[in-house]
Every structure is written in C-alpha cells, then in structure tokens.
Amino acid sequence: MCTYNTERTPISGSGKGKAGWFDLTDATVYYDHPVHAQAAHTLNIDFANPSSGPAARVAVELTAESARELVAAIERALQNVPADLLT
C-alpha cells in the first residue's frame, strides 16, 4: 500500500551524478515502493536541481530502520559543531 505522503523542501548543497558535481536546490522525501532496493517499501529521497534537467538528480532508497539511523547520525554530527560554523 502506498501512502502518497510526500515532503518537499528547498535545500542548498551539491550532489555528484554521472556528469560530475552539480548544485542541489530541492529535496523530495516519500515512503513508497523502491526502484532498486531489495525491500517492499523504502524511504526515498531525491536530491535535485530541476532547472538543470533530469540528470541533475541523486536518488537514495533506505529501509525505515536505516533512514531513522541516518537522521540520528545527522543530529549527532550537528550537535558537535560549534555554533559559529553552522552559519
């Protein structure tokens, strides 16, 4: 069963695709059937720059457990960064 719950957010960063590095402007997150991962459902994250065409996209498919671990790891990493470096 698909949830159709999709979250979109503007982002600022870089991604590396087949043609090299490109600017990232958007992230889309949703829980659905994966294209490649060996699981019934995954948390799918698309990092993209739509203005640069379909090749400017990095896709990630994670199990729910892996996605939660990634969120926790990101939070731990950011907690240890001095505030003046986060601006």
PDB file of N, CA and C in Angstrom:
ATOM      1  N   MET A   1       0.845  -1.183   0.000  1.00  0.00           N
ATOM      2  CA  MET A   1       0.000   0.000   0.000  1.00  0.00           C
ATOM      3  C   MET A   1       0.884   1.237   0.000  1.00  0.00           C
ATOM      4  N   CYS A   2       0.576   2.182  -0.836  1.00  0.00           N
ATOM      5  CA  CYS A   2       1.337   3.428  -0.915  1.00  0.00           C
ATOM      6  C   CYS A   2       0.694   4.483  -0.021  1.00  0.00           C
ATOM      7  N   THR A   3       1.523   5.286   0.600  1.00  0.00           N
ATOM      8  CA  THR A   3       0.994   6.335   1.477  1.00  0.00           C
ATOM      9  C   THR A   3       0.743   7.632   0.714  1.00  0.00           C
ATOM     10  N   TYR A   4       1.466   7.858  -0.347  1.00  0.00           N
ATOM     11  CA  TYR A   4       1.396   9.104  -1.128  1.00  0.00           C
ATOM     12  C   TYR A   4       1.783  10.327  -0.305  1.00  0.00           C
ATOM     13  N   ASN A   5       2.361  10.113   0.884  1.00  0.00           N
ATOM     14  CA  ASN A   5       2.845  11.227   1.690  1.00  0.00           C
ATOM     15  C   ASN A   5       4.193  11.660   1.145  1.00  0.00           C
ATOM     16  N   THR A   6       4.236  12.877   0.663  1.00  0.00           N
ATOM     17  CA  THR A   6       5.455  13.404   0.057  1.00  0.00           C
ATOM     18  C   THR A   6       5.791  14.735   0.706  1.00  0.00           C
ATOM     19  N   GLU A   7       7.038  14.878   1.093  1.00  0.00           N
ATOM     20  CA  GLU A   7       7.536  16.131   1.659  1.00  0.00           C
ATOM     21  C   GLU A   7       8.558  16.717   0.706  1.00  0.00           C
ATOM     22  N   ARG A   8       8.426  18.001   0.445  1.00  0.00           N
ATOM     23  CA  ARG A   8       9.397  18.706  -0.402  1.00  0.00           C
ATOM     24  C   ARG A   8       9.958  19.875   0.381  1.00  0.00           C
ATOM     25  N   THR A   9      11.253  20.119   0.165  1.00  0.00           N
ATOM     26  CA  THR A   9      11.883  21.243   0.848  1.00  0.00           C
ATOM     27  C   THR A   9      13.004  21.813  -0.015  1.00  0.00           C
ATOM     28  N   PRO A  10      13.169  23.126  -0.002  1.00  0.00           N
ATOM     29  CA  PRO A  10      14.324  23.700  -0.688  1.00  0.00           C
ATOM     30  C   PRO A  10      15.588  23.384   0.111  1.00  0.00           C
ATOM     31  N   ILE A  11      16.682  23.112  -0.582  1.00  0.00           N
ATOM     32  CA  ILE A  11      17.965  22.839   0.067  1.00  0.00           C
ATOM     33  C   ILE A  11      19.066  23.593  -0.653  1.00  0.00           C
ATOM     34  N   SER A  12      20.212  23.655  -0.028  1.00  0.00           N
ATOM     35  CA  SER A  12      21.386  24.267  -0.628  1.00  0.00           C
ATOM     36  C   SER A  12      22.556  23.328  -0.401  1.00  0.00           C
ATOM     37  N   GLY A  13      23.159  22.868  -1.477  1.00  0.00           N
ATOM     38  CA  GLY A  13      24.283  21.943  -1.371  1.00  0.00           C
ATOM     39  C   GLY A  13      24.732  21.502  -2.748  1.00  0.00           C
ATOM     40  N   SER A  14      25.454  20.402  -2.789  1.00  0.00           N
ATOM     41  CA  SER A  14      25.953  19.859  -4.042  1.00  0.00           C
ATOM     42  C   SER A  14      25.737  18.358  -4.073  1.00  0.00           C
ATOM     43  N   GLY A  15      25.564  17.820  -5.263  1.00  0.00           N
ATOM     44  CA  GLY A  15      25.439  16.390  -5.467  1.00  0.00           C
ATOM     45  C   GLY A  15      26.336  15.973  -6.616  1.00  0.00           C
ATOM     46  N   LYS A  16      26.685  14.708  -6.635  1.00  0.00           N
ATOM     47  CA  LYS A  16      27.539  14.217  -7.714  1.00  0.00           C
ATOM     48  C   LYS A  16      26.791  13.151  -8.494  1.00  0.00           C
ATOM     49  N   GLY A  17      26.648  13.390  -9.771  1.00  0.00           N
ATOM     50  CA  GLY A  17      25.996  12.449 -10.660  1.00  0.00           C
ATOM     51  C   GLY A  17      26.954  11.949 -11.715  1.00  0.00           C
ATOM     52  N   LYS A  18      26.408  11.327 -12.732  1.00  0.00           N
ATOM     53  CA  LYS A  18      27.220  10.738 -13.805  1.00  0.00           C
ATOM     54  C   LYS A  18      28.111  11.779 -14.499  1.00  0.00           C
ATOM     55  N   ALA A  19      27.588  13.001 -14.645  1.00  0.00           N
ATOM     56  CA  ALA A  19      28.336  14.056 -15.333  1.00  0.00           C
ATOM     57  C   ALA A  19      29.183  14.903 -14.381  1.00  0.00           C
ATOM     58  N   GLY A  20      29.246  14.538 -13.102  1.00  0.00           N
ATOM     59  CA  GLY A  20      30.039  15.310 -12.142  1.00  0.00           C
ATOM     60  C   GLY A  20      29.165  16.035 -11.137  1.00  0.00           C
ATOM     61  N   TRP A  21      29.754  17.020 -10.480  1.00  0.00           N
ATOM     62  CA  TRP A  21      29.081  17.767  -9.420  1.00  0.00           C
ATOM     63  C   TRP A  21      28.085  18.770  -9.988  1.00  0.00           C
ATOM     64  N   PHE A  22      26.991  18.986  -9.255  1.00  0.00           N
ATOM     65  CA  PHE A  22      26.008  19.997  -9.624  1.00  0.00           C
ATOM     66  C   PHE A  22      25.373  20.546  -8.356  1.00  0.00           C
ATOM     67  N   ASP A  23      24.814  21.761  -8.452  1.00  0.00           N
ATOM     68  CA  ASP A  23      24.138  22.393  -7.318  1.00  0.00           C
ATOM     69  C   ASP A  23      22.826  21.674  -7.029  1.00  0.00           C
ATOM     70  N   LEU A  24      22.515  21.517  -5.738  1.00  0.00           N
ATOM     71  CA  LEU A  24      21.222  20.969  -5.324  1.00  0.00           C
ATOM     72  C   LEU A  24      20.336  22.101  -4.840  1.00  0.00           C
ATOM     73  N   THR A  25      19.087  22.075  -5.253  1.00  0.00           N
ATOM     74  CA  THR A  25      18.139  23.119  -4.858  1.00  0.00           C
ATOM     75  C   THR A  25      16.882  22.566  -4.193  1.00  0.00           C
ATOM     76  N   ASP A  26      16.609  21.266  -4.372  1.00  0.00           N
ATOM     77  CA  ASP A  26      15.362  20.684  -3.884  1.00  0.00           C
ATOM     78  C   ASP A  26      15.594  19.283  -3.327  1.00  0.00           C
ATOM     79  N   ALA A  27      14.816  18.932  -2.303  1.00  0.00           N
ATOM     80  CA  ALA A  27      14.796  17.558  -1.797  1.00  0.00           C
ATOM     81  C   ALA A  27      13.341  17.110  -1.712  1.00  0.00           C
ATOM     82  N   THR A  28      13.086  15.903  -2.154  1.00  0.00           N
ATOM     83  CA  THR A  28      11.768  15.286  -2.069  1.00  0.00           C
ATOM     84  C   THR A  28      11.924  13.992  -1.287  1.00  0.00           C
ATOM     85  N   VAL A  29      11.080  13.813  -0.272  1.00  0.00           N
ATOM     86  CA  VAL A  29      11.156  12.639   0.592  1.00  0.00           C
ATOM     87  C   VAL A  29       9.789  11.973   0.616  1.00  0.00           C
ATOM     88  N   TYR A  30       9.766  10.658   0.412  1.00  0.00           N
ATOM     89  CA  TYR A  30       8.490   9.937   0.421  1.00  0.00           C
ATOM     90  C   TYR A  30       8.737   8.471   0.754  1.00  0.00           C
ATOM     91  N   TYR A  31       7.725   7.787   1.261  1.00  0.00           N
ATOM     92  CA  TYR A  31       7.805   6.366   1.602  1.00  0.00           C
ATOM     93  C   TYR A  31       6.961   5.613   0.590  1.00  0.00           C
ATOM     94  N   ASP A  32       7.611   4.740  -0.186  1.00  0.00           N
ATOM     95  CA  ASP A  32       6.911   4.091  -1.294  1.00  0.00           C
ATOM     96  C   ASP A  32       7.695   2.849  -1.726  1.00  0.00           C
ATOM     97  N   HIS A  33       7.262   2.251  -2.802  1.00  0.00           N
ATOM     98  CA  HIS A  33       7.980   1.119  -3.380  1.00  0.00           C
ATOM     99  C   HIS A  33       9.308   1.624  -3.957  1.00  0.00           C
ATOM    100  N   PRO A  34      10.401   0.896  -3.700  1.00  0.00           N
ATOM    101  CA  PRO A  34      11.673   1.319  -4.270  1.00  0.00           C
ATOM    102  C   PRO A  34      11.792   0.903  -5.736  1.00  0.00           C
ATOM    103  N   VAL A  35      12.698   1.537  -6.428  1.00  0.00           N
ATOM    104  CA  VAL A  35      13.015   1.156  -7.801  1.00  0.00           C
ATOM    105  C   VAL A  35      14.088   0.068  -7.800  1.00  0.00           C
ATOM    106  N   HIS A  36      15.063   0.187  -6.902  1.00  0.00           N
ATOM    107  CA  HIS A  36      16.202  -0.724  -6.935  1.00  0.00           C
ATOM    108  C   HIS A  36      16.424  -1.493  -5.637  1.00  0.00           C
ATOM    109  N   ALA A  37      16.212  -0.884  -4.492  1.00  0.00           N
ATOM    110  CA  ALA A  37      16.494  -1.538  -3.210  1.00  0.00           C
ATOM    111  C   ALA A  37      15.663  -2.808  -3.048  1.00  0.00           C
ATOM    112  N   GLN A  38      16.239  -3.775  -2.374  1.00  0.00           N
ATOM    113  CA  GLN A  38      15.572  -5.058  -2.158  1.00  0.00           C
ATOM    114  C   GLN A  38      14.719  -5.000  -0.889  1.00  0.00           C
ATOM    115  N   ALA A  39      13.614  -4.280  -0.952  1.00  0.00           N
ATOM    116  CA  ALA A  39      12.670  -4.151   0.163  1.00  0.00           C
ATOM    117  C   ALA A  39      11.301  -3.863  -0.432  1.00  0.00           C
ATOM    118  N   ALA A  40      10.275  -4.180   0.316  1.00  0.00           N
ATOM    119  CA  ALA A  40       8.919  -3.925  -0.178  1.00  0.00           C
ATOM    120  C   ALA A  40       8.620  -2.433  -0.258  1.00  0.00           C
ATOM    121  N   HIS A  41       9.083  -1.679   0.740  1.00  0.00           N
ATOM    122  CA  HIS A  41       8.906  -0.232   0.785  1.00  0.00           C
ATOM    123  C   HIS A  41      10.183   0.384   1.334  1.00  0.00           C
ATOM    124  N   THR A  42      10.474   1.588   0.908  1.00  0.00           N
ATOM    125  CA  THR A  42      11.642   2.310   1.404  1.00  0.00           C
ATOM    126  C   THR A  42      11.319   3.784   1.552  1.00  0.00           C
ATOM    127  N   LEU A  43      12.142   4.449   2.365  1.00  0.00           N
ATOM    128  CA  LEU A  43      12.092   5.902   2.410  1.00  0.00           C
ATOM    129  C   LEU A  43      12.968   6.364   1.256  1.00  0.00           C
ATOM    130  N   ASN A  44      12.379   7.090   0.333  1.00  0.00           N
ATOM    131  CA  ASN A  44      13.071   7.524  -0.879  1.00  0.00           C
ATOM    132  C   ASN A  44      13.363   9.011  -0.780  1.00  0.00           C
ATOM    133  N   ILE A  45      14.583   9.378  -1.060  1.00  0.00           N
ATOM    134  CA  ILE A  45      14.995  10.775  -1.043  1.00  0.00           C
ATOM    135  C   ILE A  45      15.570  11.118  -2.404  1.00  0.00           C
ATOM    136  N   ASP A  46      15.027  12.138  -3.019  1.00  0.00           N
ATOM    137  CA  ASP A  46      15.560  12.644  -4.281  1.00  0.00           C
ATOM    138  C   ASP A  46      16.158  14.022  -4.016  1.00  0.00           C
ATOM    139  N   PHE A  47      17.455  14.139  -4.225  1.00  0.00           N
ATOM    140  CA  PHE A  47      18.142  15.422  -4.161  1.00  0.00           C
ATOM    141  C   PHE A  47      18.276  15.883  -5.605  1.00  0.00           C
ATOM    142  N   ALA A  48      17.841  17.114  -5.899  1.00  0.00           N
ATOM    143  CA  ALA A  48      17.798  17.507  -7.311  1.00  0.00           C
ATOM    144  C   ALA A  48      17.988  19.002  -7.521  1.00  0.00           C
ATOM    145  N   ASN A  49      18.203  19.327  -8.789  1.00  0.00           N
ATOM    146  CA  ASN A  49      18.177  20.701  -9.281  1.00  0.00           C
ATOM    147  C   ASN A  49      17.337  20.665 -10.553  1.00  0.00           C
ATOM    148  N   PRO A  50      16.005  20.791 -10.422  1.00  0.00           N
ATOM    149  CA  PRO A  50      15.121  20.639 -11.581  1.00  0.00           C
ATOM    150  C   PRO A  50      15.450  21.567 -12.752  1.00  0.00           C
ATOM    151  N   SER A  51      16.000  22.730 -12.470  1.00  0.00           N
ATOM    152  CA  SER A  51      16.307  23.653 -13.566  1.00  0.00           C
ATOM    153  C   SER A  51      17.462  23.164 -14.433  1.00  0.00           C
ATOM    154  N   SER A  52      18.194  22.172 -13.961  1.00  0.00           N
ATOM    155  CA  SER A  52      19.312  21.618 -14.729  1.00  0.00           C
ATOM    156  C   SER A  52      18.958  20.318 -15.448  1.00  0.00           C
ATOM    157  N   GLY A  53      17.704  19.930 -15.426  1.00  0.00           N
ATOM    158  CA  GLY A  53      17.260  18.747 -16.152  1.00  0.00           C
ATOM    159  C   GLY A  53      17.274  17.483 -15.315  1.00  0.00           C
ATOM    160  N   PRO A  54      16.793  16.380 -15.889  1.00  0.00           N
ATOM    161  CA  PRO A  54      16.641  15.135 -15.139  1.00  0.00           C
ATOM    162  C   PRO A  54      17.955  14.492 -14.697  1.00  0.00           C
ATOM    163  N   ALA A  55      19.055  14.813 -15.328  1.00  0.00           N
ATOM    164  CA  ALA A  55      20.339  14.224 -14.931  1.00  0.00           C
ATOM    165  C   ALA A  55      20.869  14.837 -13.637  1.00  0.00           C
ATOM    166  N   ALA A  56      20.350  15.992 -13.241  1.00  0.00           N
ATOM    167  CA  ALA A  56      20.793  16.663 -12.014  1.00  0.00           C
ATOM    168  C   ALA A  56      19.962  16.152 -10.840  1.00  0.00           C
ATOM    169  N   ARG A  57      20.148  14.857 -10.540  1.00  0.00           N
ATOM    170  CA  ARG A  57      19.351  14.202  -9.508  1.00  0.00           C
ATOM    171  C   ARG A  57      20.180  13.087  -8.883  1.00  0.00           C
ATOM    172  N   VAL A  58      20.099  12.991  -7.566  1.00  0.00           N
ATOM    173  CA  VAL A  58      20.692  11.878  -6.831  1.00  0.00           C
ATOM    174  C   VAL A  58      19.559  11.233  -6.048  1.00  0.00           C
ATOM    175  N   ALA A  59      19.334   9.953  -6.257  1.00  0.00           N
ATOM    176  CA  ALA A  59      18.250   9.237  -5.595  1.00  0.00           C
ATOM    177  C   ALA A  59      18.818   8.287  -4.544  1.00  0.00           C
ATOM    178  N   VAL A  60      18.114   8.194  -3.400  1.00  0.00           N
ATOM    179  CA  VAL A  60      18.501   7.306  -2.312  1.00  0.00           C
ATOM    180  C   VAL A  60      17.267   6.542  -1.860  1.00  0.00           C
ATOM    181  N   GLU A  61      17.399   5.234  -1.674  1.00  0.00           N
ATOM    182  CA  GLU A  61      16.311   4.392  -1.161  1.00  0.00           C
ATOM    183  C   GLU A  61      16.813   3.695   0.100  1.00  0.00           C
ATOM    184  N   LEU A  62      16.178   3.965   1.245  1.00  0.00           N
ATOM    185  CA  LEU A  62      16.623   3.423   2.519  1.00  0.00           C
ATOM    186  C   LEU A  62      15.495   2.666   3.209  1.00  0.00           C
ATOM    187  N   THR A  63      15.844   1.582   3.900  1.00  0.00           N
ATOM    188  CA  THR A  63      14.838   0.945   4.741  1.00  0.00           C
ATOM    189  C   THR A  63      14.457   1.936   5.840  1.00  0.00           C
ATOM    190  N   ALA A  64      13.308   1.722   6.451  1.00  0.00           N
ATOM    191  CA  ALA A  64      12.859   2.626   7.514  1.00  0.00           C
ATOM    192  C   ALA A  64      13.890   2.673   8.646  1.00  0.00           C
ATOM    193  N   GLU A  65      14.429   1.517   9.019  1.00  0.00           N
ATOM    194  CA  GLU A  65      15.426   1.465  10.085  1.00  0.00           C
ATOM    195  C   GLU A  65      16.676   2.258   9.706  1.00  0.00           C
ATOM    196  N   SER A  66      17.147   2.097   8.485  1.00  0.00           N
ATOM    197  CA  SER A  66      18.327   2.839   8.026  1.00  0.00           C
ATOM    198  C   SER A  66      18.053   4.335   7.977  1.00  0.00           C
ATOM    199  N   ALA A  67      16.858   4.721   7.557  1.00  0.00           N
ATOM    200  CA  ALA A  67      16.511   6.143   7.495  1.00  0.00           C
ATOM    201  C   ALA A  67      16.519   6.765   8.889  1.00  0.00           C
ATOM    202  N   ARG A  68      15.978   6.047   9.861  1.00  0.00           N
ATOM    203  CA  ARG A  68      15.974   6.567  11.243  1.00  0.00           C
ATOM    204  C   ARG A  68      17.393   6.675  11.793  1.00  0.00           C
ATOM    205  N   GLU A  69      18.228   5.691  11.487  1.00  0.00           N
ATOM    206  CA  GLU A  69      19.623   5.743  11.925  1.00  0.00           C
ATOM    207  C   GLU A  69      20.361   6.912  11.272  1.00  0.00           C
ATOM    208  N   LEU A  70      20.068   7.171  10.010  1.00  0.00           N
ATOM    209  CA  LEU A  70      20.689   8.298   9.326  1.00  0.00           C
ATOM    210  C   LEU A  70      20.270   9.620   9.957  1.00  0.00           C
ATOM    211  N   VAL A  71      18.991   9.781  10.255  1.00  0.00           N
ATOM    212  CA  VAL A  71      18.508  11.004  10.913  1.00  0.00           C
ATOM    213  C   VAL A  71      19.227  11.206  12.242  1.00  0.00           C
ATOM    214  N   ALA A  72      19.341  10.138  13.033  1.00  0.00           N
ATOM    215  CA  ALA A  72      20.022  10.229  14.329  1.00  0.00           C
ATOM    216  C   ALA A  72      21.494  10.586  14.150  1.00  0.00           C
ATOM    217  N   ALA A  73      22.161   9.999  13.160  1.00  0.00           N
ATOM    218  CA  ALA A  73      23.574  10.286  12.911  1.00  0.00           C
ATOM    219  C   ALA A  73      23.767  11.744  12.488  1.00  0.00           C
ATOM    220  N   ILE A  74      22.864  12.247  11.666  1.00  0.00           N
ATOM    221  CA  ILE A  74      22.940  13.658  11.254  1.00  0.00           C
ATOM    222  C   ILE A  74      22.790  14.567  12.466  1.00  0.00           C
ATOM    223  N   GLU A  75      21.808  14.272  13.317  1.00  0.00           N
ATOM    224  CA  GLU A  75      21.599  15.089  14.520  1.00  0.00           C
ATOM    225  C   GLU A  75      22.827  15.051  15.426  1.00  0.00           C
ATOM    226  N   ARG A  76      23.424  13.867  15.630  1.00  0.00           N
ATOM    227  CA  ARG A  76      24.620  13.765  16.470  1.00  0.00           C
ATOM    228  C   ARG A  76      25.772  14.565  15.879  1.00  0.00           C
ATOM    229  N   ALA A  77      25.964  14.469  14.579  1.00  0.00           N
ATOM    230  CA  ALA A  77      27.057  15.202  13.931  1.00  0.00           C
ATOM    231  C   ALA A  77      26.873  16.708  14.077  1.00  0.00           C
ATOM    232  N   LEU A  78      25.649  17.195  13.906  1.00  0.00           N
ATOM    233  CA  LEU A  78      25.403  18.641  14.001  1.00  0.00           C
ATOM    234  C   LEU A  78      25.484  19.154  15.437  1.00  0.00           C
ATOM    235  N   GLN A  79      25.159  18.318  16.423  1.00  0.00           N
ATOM    236  CA  GLN A  79      25.235  18.736  17.823  1.00  0.00           C
ATOM    237  C   GLN A  79      26.658  19.067  18.240  1.00  0.00           C
ATOM    238  N   ASN A  80      27.632  18.461  17.596  1.00  0.00           N
ATOM    239  CA  ASN A  80      29.025  18.649  17.983  1.00  0.00           C
ATOM    240  C   ASN A  80      29.747  19.730  17.198  1.00  0.00           C
ATOM    241  N   VAL A  81      29.023  20.451  16.363  1.00  0.00           N
ATOM    242  CA  VAL A  81      29.630  21.512  15.563  1.00  0.00           C
ATOM    243  C   VAL A  81      29.494  22.838  16.315  1.00  0.00           C
ATOM    244  N   PRO A  82      30.590  23.608  16.466  1.00  0.00           N
ATOM    245  CA  PRO A  82      30.478  24.920  17.095  1.00  0.00           C
ATOM    246  C   PRO A  82      29.467  25.801  16.356  1.00  0.00           C
ATOM    247  N   ALA A  83      28.675  26.526  17.107  1.00  0.00           N
ATOM    248  CA  ALA A  83      27.580  27.331  16.544  1.00  0.00           C
ATOM    249  C   ALA A  83      28.066  28.283  15.455  1.00  0.00           C
ATOM    250  N   ASP A  84      29.251  28.865  15.611  1.00  0.00           N
ATOM    251  CA  ASP A  84      29.719  29.829  14.609  1.00  0.00           C
ATOM    252  C   ASP A  84      30.037  29.168  13.268  1.00  0.00           C
ATOM    253  N   LEU A  85      30.203  27.845  13.245  1.00  0.00           N
ATOM    254  CA  LEU A  85      30.442  27.165  11.981  1.00  0.00           C
ATOM    255  C   LEU A  85      29.142  26.779  11.259  1.00  0.00           C
ATOM    256  N   LEU A  86      28.014  26.890  11.938  1.00  0.00           N
ATOM    257  CA  LEU A  86      26.732  26.497  11.357  1.00  0.00           C
ATOM    258  C   LEU A  86      26.042  27.619  10.587  1.00  0.00           C
ATOM    259  N   THR A  87      26.641  28.786  10.540  1.00  0.00           N
ATOM    260  CA  THR A  87      26.012  29.914   9.837  1.00  0.00           C
ATOM    261  C   THR A  87      26.450  29.969   8.393  1.00  0.00           C
TER     262      THR A  87
END
